[in-house]
N, C-alpha and C. Protein backbone atom coordinates (compact mmCIF):
# COMPACT_ATOMS: atom_id res chain seq x y z
N UNK A 1 65.88 435.60 207.88
CA UNK A 1 64.83 435.27 208.46
C UNK A 1 64.94 435.50 210.26
N UNK A 2 64.38 436.47 210.54
CA UNK A 2 64.66 436.94 211.99
C UNK A 2 63.73 435.75 213.00
N UNK A 3 64.18 435.33 214.04
CA UNK A 3 64.10 434.72 214.91
C UNK A 3 63.33 435.34 216.51
N UNK A 4 62.26 434.55 216.86
CA UNK A 4 62.06 435.19 218.43
C UNK A 4 63.14 434.58 219.48
N UNK A 5 63.25 435.77 220.13
CA UNK A 5 64.13 435.07 221.35
C UNK A 5 63.32 435.11 222.64
N UNK A 6 63.55 433.92 223.15
CA UNK A 6 62.85 433.54 224.30
C UNK A 6 63.42 434.21 225.74
N UNK A 7 62.36 434.62 226.80
CA UNK A 7 62.75 435.21 227.92
C UNK A 7 62.62 434.49 228.87
N UNK A 8 63.76 434.70 229.97
CA UNK A 8 63.55 434.07 231.21
C UNK A 8 62.18 434.49 231.73
N UNK A 9 61.37 433.25 232.51
CA UNK A 9 61.73 431.96 232.62
C UNK A 9 61.02 431.07 231.98
N UNK A 10 61.11 431.15 230.53
CA UNK A 10 60.93 430.03 229.70
C UNK A 10 61.72 428.83 229.87
N UNK A 11 61.05 427.74 229.95
CA UNK A 11 61.69 426.74 230.64
C UNK A 11 62.80 425.85 229.71
N UNK A 12 62.44 426.15 228.50
CA UNK A 12 63.69 425.81 227.01
C UNK A 12 64.93 426.47 227.66
N UNK A 13 64.94 427.65 228.29
CA UNK A 13 66.38 428.12 228.76
C UNK A 13 66.99 427.31 229.94
N UNK A 14 66.49 426.38 230.52
CA UNK A 14 67.05 425.74 231.67
C UNK A 14 67.23 424.06 231.12
N UNK A 15 67.11 423.74 229.88
CA UNK A 15 67.19 422.46 229.34
C UNK A 15 68.81 422.49 228.94
N UNK A 16 69.54 421.39 229.34
CA UNK A 16 70.64 420.93 228.71
C UNK A 16 70.54 420.79 227.21
N UNK A 17 71.16 421.42 226.22
CA UNK A 17 71.16 421.20 225.00
C UNK A 17 71.85 419.86 224.24
N UNK A 18 71.05 419.29 223.45
CA UNK A 18 71.56 418.04 222.79
C UNK A 18 72.68 418.36 221.79
N UNK A 19 73.82 417.56 221.58
CA UNK A 19 74.88 417.75 220.71
C UNK A 19 74.34 417.46 218.97
N UNK A 20 74.90 418.39 218.05
CA UNK A 20 74.34 418.22 216.79
C UNK A 20 75.24 417.00 216.15
N UNK A 21 74.48 415.89 215.75
CA UNK A 21 75.35 414.87 215.43
C UNK A 21 75.84 415.06 213.88
N UNK A 22 75.31 416.04 213.07
CA UNK A 22 75.64 416.17 211.74
C UNK A 22 75.40 417.88 211.09
N UNK A 23 76.29 418.45 210.45
CA UNK A 23 76.09 419.81 210.13
C UNK A 23 75.61 419.51 208.75
N UNK A 24 74.29 420.12 208.92
CA UNK A 24 73.49 420.11 207.97
C UNK A 24 73.03 421.44 207.23
N UNK A 25 72.41 421.32 205.98
CA UNK A 25 72.08 422.72 205.30
C UNK A 25 70.78 423.44 206.33
N UNK A 26 70.19 422.45 207.01
CA UNK A 26 69.30 423.23 208.37
C UNK A 26 70.00 423.94 209.45
N UNK A 27 71.20 423.31 209.40
CA UNK A 27 71.61 423.88 210.82
C UNK A 27 72.55 424.90 210.03
N UNK A 28 73.32 425.14 209.05
CA UNK A 28 73.94 426.25 208.37
C UNK A 28 72.58 427.64 208.38
N UNK A 29 71.28 426.94 207.97
CA UNK A 29 70.47 428.21 207.61
C UNK A 29 70.06 428.65 209.24
N UNK A 30 69.88 427.82 210.33
CA UNK A 30 69.48 428.05 211.85
C UNK A 30 70.65 429.08 211.95
N UNK A 31 71.78 428.69 211.93
CA UNK A 31 72.87 429.92 212.59
C UNK A 31 72.74 430.84 211.51
N UNK A 32 72.66 431.05 210.25
CA UNK A 32 72.78 432.16 209.42
C UNK A 32 71.35 433.15 210.19
N UNK A 33 70.37 432.54 210.61
CA UNK A 33 69.11 433.19 211.33
C UNK A 33 69.45 433.83 212.31
N UNK A 34 69.99 432.81 212.91
CA UNK A 34 70.44 433.06 214.64
C UNK A 34 71.40 434.35 214.55
N UNK A 35 72.18 434.52 213.54
CA UNK A 35 73.64 435.74 213.68
C UNK A 35 72.47 436.94 213.04
N UNK A 36 71.57 436.75 212.44
CA UNK A 36 70.62 437.94 211.67
C UNK A 36 69.93 438.45 213.10
N UNK A 37 69.41 437.64 214.02
CA UNK A 37 68.45 437.78 215.12
C UNK A 37 69.30 438.21 216.08
N UNK A 38 70.77 438.05 216.23
CA UNK A 38 71.60 438.60 217.17
C UNK A 38 71.92 439.95 216.67
N UNK A 39 72.00 440.38 215.50
CA UNK A 39 72.32 441.46 215.23
C UNK A 39 71.33 442.53 215.11
N UNK A 40 70.03 442.00 214.90
CA UNK A 40 68.64 442.96 215.25
C UNK A 40 68.53 443.07 216.64
N UNK A 41 69.01 442.49 217.51
CA UNK A 41 68.68 442.88 218.69
C UNK A 41 69.73 443.21 219.32
N UNK A 42 70.96 443.88 218.64
CA UNK A 42 71.88 444.76 219.04
C UNK A 42 72.93 443.61 219.97
N UNK A 43 73.18 442.34 220.00
CA UNK A 43 73.59 441.50 220.44
C UNK A 43 74.57 441.25 220.26
N UNK A 44 75.72 440.24 220.96
CA UNK A 44 77.15 439.94 220.58
C UNK A 44 77.30 438.55 220.53
N UNK A 45 76.30 437.78 221.27
CA UNK A 45 75.97 436.23 221.36
C UNK A 45 74.68 435.72 221.30
N UNK A 46 74.37 434.61 220.69
CA UNK A 46 73.20 434.01 220.60
C UNK A 46 73.26 432.39 220.75
N UNK A 47 72.82 431.71 221.64
CA UNK A 47 72.72 430.30 221.79
C UNK A 47 71.45 429.89 221.08
N UNK A 48 71.21 428.71 220.36
CA UNK A 48 70.22 427.92 219.85
C UNK A 48 68.85 428.12 221.15
N UNK A 49 69.29 427.62 222.23
CA UNK A 49 68.18 427.49 223.34
C UNK A 49 67.30 428.85 223.43
N UNK A 50 67.97 429.99 223.34
CA UNK A 50 67.23 431.25 223.25
C UNK A 50 66.44 431.37 222.18
N UNK A 51 66.27 430.78 221.28
CA UNK A 51 65.24 430.89 219.88
C UNK A 51 64.70 429.36 220.24
N UNK A 52 64.38 428.91 221.11
CA UNK A 52 63.50 427.54 221.22
C UNK A 52 64.23 426.36 220.89
N UNK A 53 65.75 426.31 220.16
CA UNK A 53 65.88 425.05 219.72
C UNK A 53 66.97 424.62 220.73
N UNK A 54 66.82 423.37 221.56
CA UNK A 54 67.49 422.97 222.52
C UNK A 54 68.87 422.07 221.80
N UNK A 55 69.89 422.84 221.28
CA UNK A 55 70.76 421.96 220.46
C UNK A 55 71.91 423.06 220.59
N UNK A 56 73.04 422.26 220.76
CA UNK A 56 74.16 422.98 220.57
C UNK A 56 75.04 423.87 219.59
N UNK A 57 74.21 424.85 219.56
CA UNK A 57 74.67 425.66 218.36
C UNK A 57 74.80 427.40 219.14
N UNK A 58 76.14 427.95 218.79
CA UNK A 58 75.90 429.05 219.01
C UNK A 58 76.57 430.12 218.35
N UNK A 59 76.14 431.52 217.95
CA UNK A 59 76.79 432.46 217.19
C UNK A 59 77.19 433.64 217.91
N UNK A 60 78.44 434.04 217.75
CA UNK A 60 79.22 435.15 218.60
C UNK A 60 79.75 436.11 217.53
N UNK A 61 79.53 437.43 217.71
CA UNK A 61 80.39 438.44 217.36
C UNK A 61 80.74 439.83 218.07
N UNK A 62 81.76 439.56 218.57
CA UNK A 62 82.15 440.73 219.63
C UNK A 62 82.58 441.90 218.79
N UNK A 63 82.58 442.11 218.03
CA UNK A 63 82.92 443.30 216.94
C UNK A 63 81.45 444.04 216.87
N UNK A 64 80.55 443.52 217.23
CA UNK A 64 79.16 444.27 217.01
C UNK A 64 78.77 444.77 218.30
N UNK A 65 77.55 445.29 218.37
CA UNK A 65 76.52 445.14 217.12
C UNK A 65 76.96 445.85 216.25
N UNK A 66 77.76 447.09 216.35
CA UNK A 66 78.14 447.82 214.99
C UNK A 66 78.55 447.34 213.68
N UNK A 67 79.68 446.80 213.78
CA UNK A 67 80.77 446.47 212.74
C UNK A 67 80.47 445.32 212.09
N UNK A 68 80.28 444.13 212.94
CA UNK A 68 79.88 442.79 212.56
C UNK A 68 80.78 442.36 211.56
N UNK A 69 82.10 442.13 212.18
CA UNK A 69 83.23 441.67 211.12
C UNK A 69 83.53 440.49 211.42
N UNK A 70 83.12 439.95 212.62
CA UNK A 70 83.76 438.72 213.48
C UNK A 70 82.95 437.20 213.51
N UNK A 71 82.06 437.31 212.88
CA UNK A 71 80.93 436.29 213.30
C UNK A 71 81.81 434.79 213.16
N UNK A 72 81.43 434.28 214.59
CA UNK A 72 81.99 432.72 214.62
C UNK A 72 80.52 432.02 214.73
N UNK A 73 80.14 430.97 213.93
CA UNK A 73 79.26 429.91 214.24
C UNK A 73 80.07 428.58 214.97
N UNK A 74 79.56 428.39 216.20
CA UNK A 74 79.97 427.14 216.94
C UNK A 74 79.36 426.10 216.93
N UNK A 75 79.53 424.94 216.61
CA UNK A 75 78.52 423.97 216.75
C UNK A 75 79.39 423.05 217.72
N UNK A 76 78.48 422.40 218.85
CA UNK A 76 79.04 421.29 219.59
C UNK A 76 80.31 422.11 220.62
N UNK A 77 80.30 423.35 220.89
CA UNK A 77 81.52 423.83 221.15
C UNK A 77 81.50 423.34 222.93
N UNK A 78 82.90 422.86 223.04
CA UNK A 78 83.51 422.38 224.27
C UNK A 78 84.53 423.54 224.58
N UNK A 79 84.43 424.04 226.12
CA UNK A 79 85.10 424.78 226.66
C UNK A 79 86.06 424.54 227.78
N UNK A 80 87.18 424.95 227.50
CA UNK A 80 88.01 424.61 229.00
C UNK A 80 88.51 425.88 229.42
N UNK A 81 88.13 426.24 230.49
CA UNK A 81 88.84 427.34 231.43
C UNK A 81 90.17 427.28 231.46
N UNK A 82 91.24 428.39 231.49
CA UNK A 82 92.39 428.56 231.66
C UNK A 82 92.53 429.31 232.80
N UNK A 83 92.73 428.38 233.97
CA UNK A 83 92.50 429.02 235.25
C UNK A 83 93.87 430.11 235.65
N UNK A 84 94.82 429.59 235.10
CA UNK A 84 96.20 430.31 235.31
C UNK A 84 96.39 431.89 234.70
N UNK A 85 95.28 432.29 233.56
CA UNK A 85 95.28 433.58 233.40
C UNK A 85 94.47 434.23 234.34
N UNK A 86 93.71 433.75 235.61
CA UNK A 86 92.99 434.71 236.51
C UNK A 86 91.76 434.65 235.70
N UNK A 87 91.22 435.67 236.65
CA UNK A 87 89.47 435.83 236.21
C UNK A 87 89.25 437.59 236.34
N UNK A 88 87.98 437.50 235.49
CA UNK A 88 87.87 439.15 235.44
C UNK A 88 86.82 439.34 235.65
N UNK A 89 85.93 440.51 235.90
CA UNK A 89 84.70 440.74 236.53
C UNK A 89 84.20 441.65 235.92
N UNK A 90 82.88 441.48 234.96
CA UNK A 90 82.31 442.56 234.21
C UNK A 90 81.10 442.35 233.90
N UNK A 91 80.18 443.48 233.71
CA UNK A 91 79.09 443.97 233.69
C UNK A 91 78.26 443.04 232.25
N UNK A 92 77.40 441.87 232.52
CA UNK A 92 76.98 441.14 231.73
C UNK A 92 75.42 441.45 231.69
N UNK A 93 74.90 441.39 230.30
CA UNK A 93 73.76 441.57 230.24
C UNK A 93 73.12 440.45 229.01
N UNK A 94 71.83 439.95 228.94
CA UNK A 94 71.22 438.79 228.15
C UNK A 94 70.21 438.90 227.19
N UNK A 95 70.13 438.65 226.15
CA UNK A 95 68.96 438.90 225.25
C UNK A 95 67.93 437.97 225.96
N UNK A 96 68.05 437.29 226.65
CA UNK A 96 66.81 436.18 227.45
C UNK A 96 66.43 436.53 228.71
N UNK A 97 67.41 437.79 229.46
CA UNK A 97 66.97 438.51 230.38
C UNK A 97 66.83 439.90 230.34
N UNK A 98 65.50 439.85 230.28
CA UNK A 98 65.23 441.71 229.78
C UNK A 98 65.58 442.74 230.96
N UNK A 99 65.91 443.65 230.69
CA UNK A 99 66.03 444.92 231.25
C UNK A 99 66.86 444.60 232.74
N UNK A 100 68.35 443.72 232.61
CA UNK A 100 69.19 443.57 233.91
C UNK A 100 70.39 443.40 233.36
N UNK A 101 71.23 444.01 234.20
CA UNK A 101 72.71 443.62 234.14
C UNK A 101 73.32 443.76 235.54
N UNK A 102 74.11 442.95 235.45
CA UNK A 102 74.99 442.81 236.56
C UNK A 102 76.39 442.24 236.57
N UNK A 103 77.12 442.59 237.72
CA UNK A 103 78.82 441.99 237.37
C UNK A 103 78.84 440.54 237.61
N UNK A 104 79.31 440.08 236.93
CA UNK A 104 79.61 438.40 236.99
C UNK A 104 81.34 438.17 236.75
N UNK A 105 81.64 437.30 237.46
CA UNK A 105 83.04 436.77 237.68
C UNK A 105 83.06 435.69 236.66
N UNK A 106 84.28 435.57 235.53
CA UNK A 106 84.57 434.60 234.74
C UNK A 106 86.08 434.39 234.53
N UNK A 107 86.31 433.28 234.15
CA UNK A 107 87.51 433.04 234.01
C UNK A 107 88.07 434.21 232.44
N UNK A 108 89.39 434.43 232.91
CA UNK A 108 89.78 435.59 231.76
C UNK A 108 90.06 434.86 230.65
N UNK A 109 90.29 433.67 230.78
CA UNK A 109 90.89 433.18 229.20
C UNK A 109 90.37 431.70 229.14
N UNK A 110 89.90 431.20 228.01
CA UNK A 110 89.78 429.96 227.74
C UNK A 110 90.06 429.07 226.49
N UNK A 111 89.81 428.13 226.20
CA UNK A 111 90.36 427.17 225.35
C UNK A 111 88.67 426.99 224.61
N UNK A 112 88.87 426.88 223.90
CA UNK A 112 87.37 426.36 222.92
C UNK A 112 87.80 425.22 221.46
N UNK A 113 86.92 424.21 221.49
CA UNK A 113 87.14 423.25 220.37
C UNK A 113 85.57 423.31 220.10
N UNK A 114 85.13 423.45 218.46
CA UNK A 114 83.98 423.40 218.07
C UNK A 114 84.22 422.86 216.54
N UNK A 115 82.70 422.84 215.85
CA UNK A 115 82.79 422.70 214.53
C UNK A 115 82.35 424.10 214.06
N UNK A 116 82.95 424.26 212.95
CA UNK A 116 82.13 425.73 212.18
C UNK A 116 81.03 425.42 211.50
N UNK A 117 80.56 426.11 210.67
CA UNK A 117 79.33 426.02 209.88
C UNK A 117 79.42 425.09 208.77
N UNK A 118 80.65 424.81 208.21
CA UNK A 118 80.96 423.50 207.14
C UNK A 118 81.34 422.43 207.85
N UNK A 119 81.55 422.28 209.01
CA UNK A 119 81.73 420.99 209.76
C UNK A 119 83.13 420.76 210.26
N UNK A 120 84.01 421.83 209.78
CA UNK A 120 85.31 421.85 210.06
C UNK A 120 85.87 422.12 211.54
N UNK A 121 86.81 421.66 212.07
CA UNK A 121 87.12 421.55 213.38
C UNK A 121 87.62 423.05 213.65
N UNK A 122 87.27 423.54 214.53
CA UNK A 122 87.82 424.95 215.06
C UNK A 122 88.40 425.03 216.26
N UNK A 123 89.85 425.51 216.64
CA UNK A 123 90.17 425.49 218.25
C UNK A 123 90.71 427.12 218.56
N UNK A 124 90.35 427.81 219.46
CA UNK A 124 90.97 428.67 219.48
C UNK A 124 90.96 428.93 220.97
N UNK A 125 92.00 429.97 221.59
CA UNK A 125 92.02 430.49 222.82
C UNK A 125 91.66 431.88 222.62
N UNK A 126 90.67 432.24 223.66
CA UNK A 126 90.15 433.51 223.89
C UNK A 126 90.44 434.18 225.02
N UNK A 127 90.50 435.51 225.01
CA UNK A 127 90.57 435.91 226.11
C UNK A 127 89.72 437.44 226.33
N UNK A 128 89.59 438.34 227.42
CA UNK A 128 88.91 439.71 227.08
C UNK A 128 87.16 439.38 226.98
N UNK A 129 86.75 440.18 226.33
CA UNK A 129 85.49 440.16 225.95
C UNK A 129 84.99 438.69 225.14
N UNK A 130 85.88 438.14 224.35
CA UNK A 130 85.48 437.22 223.71
C UNK A 130 85.66 435.49 224.47
N UNK A 131 86.22 435.86 225.30
CA UNK A 131 86.46 434.71 226.31
C UNK A 131 85.09 434.95 227.45
N UNK A 132 84.73 436.18 227.85
CA UNK A 132 83.66 435.99 228.26
C UNK A 132 82.38 435.88 227.77
N UNK A 133 82.28 436.09 226.69
CA UNK A 133 81.09 436.27 225.55
C UNK A 133 81.02 434.48 225.45
N UNK A 134 82.02 433.64 225.11
CA UNK A 134 82.14 432.31 224.81
C UNK A 134 81.21 431.71 226.32
N UNK A 135 82.05 431.80 227.19
CA UNK A 135 81.47 431.34 228.68
C UNK A 135 79.93 431.77 229.03
N UNK A 136 79.53 432.79 228.64
CA UNK A 136 78.05 433.07 228.55
C UNK A 136 77.25 432.17 227.53
N UNK A 137 77.70 431.98 226.56
CA UNK A 137 76.84 431.20 225.51
C UNK A 137 76.93 430.08 225.81
N UNK A 138 78.18 429.26 225.81
CA UNK A 138 78.29 428.02 226.12
C UNK A 138 77.42 427.66 227.74
N UNK A 139 77.32 428.63 228.43
CA UNK A 139 76.38 428.43 229.58
C UNK A 139 74.68 428.36 229.13
N UNK A 140 74.65 428.80 228.22
CA UNK A 140 73.01 428.55 228.13
C UNK A 140 72.97 427.15 227.25
N UNK A 141 74.05 426.73 226.70
CA UNK A 141 73.88 425.07 226.14
C UNK A 141 73.86 424.50 227.45
N UNK A 142 74.00 424.92 228.73
CA UNK A 142 73.93 423.94 229.81
C UNK A 142 72.82 424.34 230.49
N UNK A 143 72.03 425.08 230.23
CA UNK A 143 70.94 425.50 231.13
C UNK A 143 71.00 426.43 231.82
N UNK A 144 72.08 427.28 232.07
CA UNK A 144 72.30 428.34 232.91
C UNK A 144 72.06 429.55 232.37
N UNK A 145 71.98 430.50 233.21
CA UNK A 145 71.76 432.11 232.67
C UNK A 145 72.74 432.97 233.86
N UNK A 146 73.53 434.17 233.16
CA UNK A 146 74.22 435.10 233.75
C UNK A 146 73.89 435.16 235.22
N UNK A 147 72.55 435.09 235.49
CA UNK A 147 72.09 435.66 236.59
C UNK A 147 72.27 434.08 237.38
N UNK A 148 72.70 433.28 237.17
CA UNK A 148 72.97 431.94 238.25
C UNK A 148 74.26 432.19 238.56
N UNK A 149 74.86 433.07 238.18
CA UNK A 149 76.37 433.20 238.90
C UNK A 149 76.55 434.53 239.99
N UNK A 150 75.22 434.99 240.21
CA UNK A 150 75.00 436.17 241.09
C UNK A 150 74.82 435.64 242.59
N UNK A 151 75.35 436.70 243.56
CA UNK A 151 75.06 436.37 244.71
C UNK A 151 73.46 436.17 245.15
N UNK A 152 73.16 435.39 245.93
CA UNK A 152 71.95 435.02 246.46
C UNK A 152 70.78 436.34 246.54
N UNK A 153 71.56 437.63 247.15
CA UNK A 153 71.02 438.95 247.36
C UNK A 153 70.57 439.33 245.91
N UNK A 154 71.43 439.28 245.43
CA UNK A 154 71.37 440.01 243.82
C UNK A 154 70.46 439.20 243.10
N UNK A 155 70.55 438.13 243.33
CA UNK A 155 69.80 437.18 242.34
C UNK A 155 68.18 437.22 243.05
N UNK A 156 67.92 437.13 244.08
CA UNK A 156 66.54 437.53 244.81
C UNK A 156 66.07 438.93 244.59
N UNK A 157 66.64 440.02 244.49
CA UNK A 157 66.18 441.23 243.93
C UNK A 157 66.03 440.90 242.65
N UNK A 158 66.63 440.18 241.71
CA UNK A 158 66.06 440.41 240.27
C UNK A 158 64.92 439.63 240.32
N UNK A 159 65.10 438.49 241.12
CA UNK A 159 63.62 437.61 240.92
C UNK A 159 62.00 438.09 241.56
N UNK A 160 62.47 439.09 242.26
CA UNK A 160 61.35 439.81 242.79
C UNK A 160 60.84 440.86 241.69
N UNK A 161 61.73 441.39 241.12
CA UNK A 161 61.68 442.46 240.22
C UNK A 161 61.05 441.89 238.57
N UNK A 162 61.15 440.32 238.67
CA UNK A 162 60.87 439.84 237.42
C UNK A 162 59.32 439.36 237.91
N UNK A 163 59.11 438.84 238.87
CA UNK A 163 57.62 438.64 239.69
C UNK A 163 56.75 439.43 239.39
N UNK A 164 57.31 440.56 240.00
CA UNK A 164 56.32 442.29 239.52
C UNK A 164 56.31 442.11 238.05
N UNK A 165 57.31 442.40 237.11
CA UNK A 165 57.05 442.61 235.94
C UNK A 165 55.93 441.56 235.62
N UNK A 166 56.21 439.92 235.76
CA UNK A 166 54.96 439.41 235.01
C UNK A 166 53.79 439.38 235.72
N UNK A 167 53.42 439.69 236.95
CA UNK A 167 52.13 440.28 237.32
C UNK A 167 51.83 441.67 236.81
N UNK A 168 52.19 442.35 236.33
CA UNK A 168 51.80 443.75 235.77
C UNK A 168 51.28 443.35 234.13
N UNK A 169 52.15 442.32 233.80
CA UNK A 169 51.95 441.75 232.34
C UNK A 169 50.83 440.91 232.23
N UNK A 170 50.02 440.52 233.19
CA UNK A 170 49.26 439.19 233.28
C UNK A 170 47.65 439.83 233.12
């Protein structure tokens, strides 16, 4: 089942997501549908708020969108930056922010703890693209978008472009 991805400025994208109290069949089915939706949209990560569910669930697969060999389903993820590894700056886009990419500065390495789709604890350290993707998706759970990390000038340019697009679609 493919889901609809919400687009900025949908207000659900700005809410802090609620913890998931128990890993149920419904949560596993939602995670599977999110993965299918992420792959269909040729993304490498998707957070539940992006499909209108304000809960702490993300799917990530940085081998995608072509290979689809490294799917991670992470429930109630908690991210700890590892600042001693430094920072990286790279171009990011988002399935909820149409037609816009920009350079974002992120921690180069992070530690993550979460539950998997079976409710088992997951602990991992990530660097490179996986670290960036995890930070991006966990931001969604906090009501943040990658555009929130941009300079005021770049952000205002994006917002002007968005207003124009919304006027043209009205």
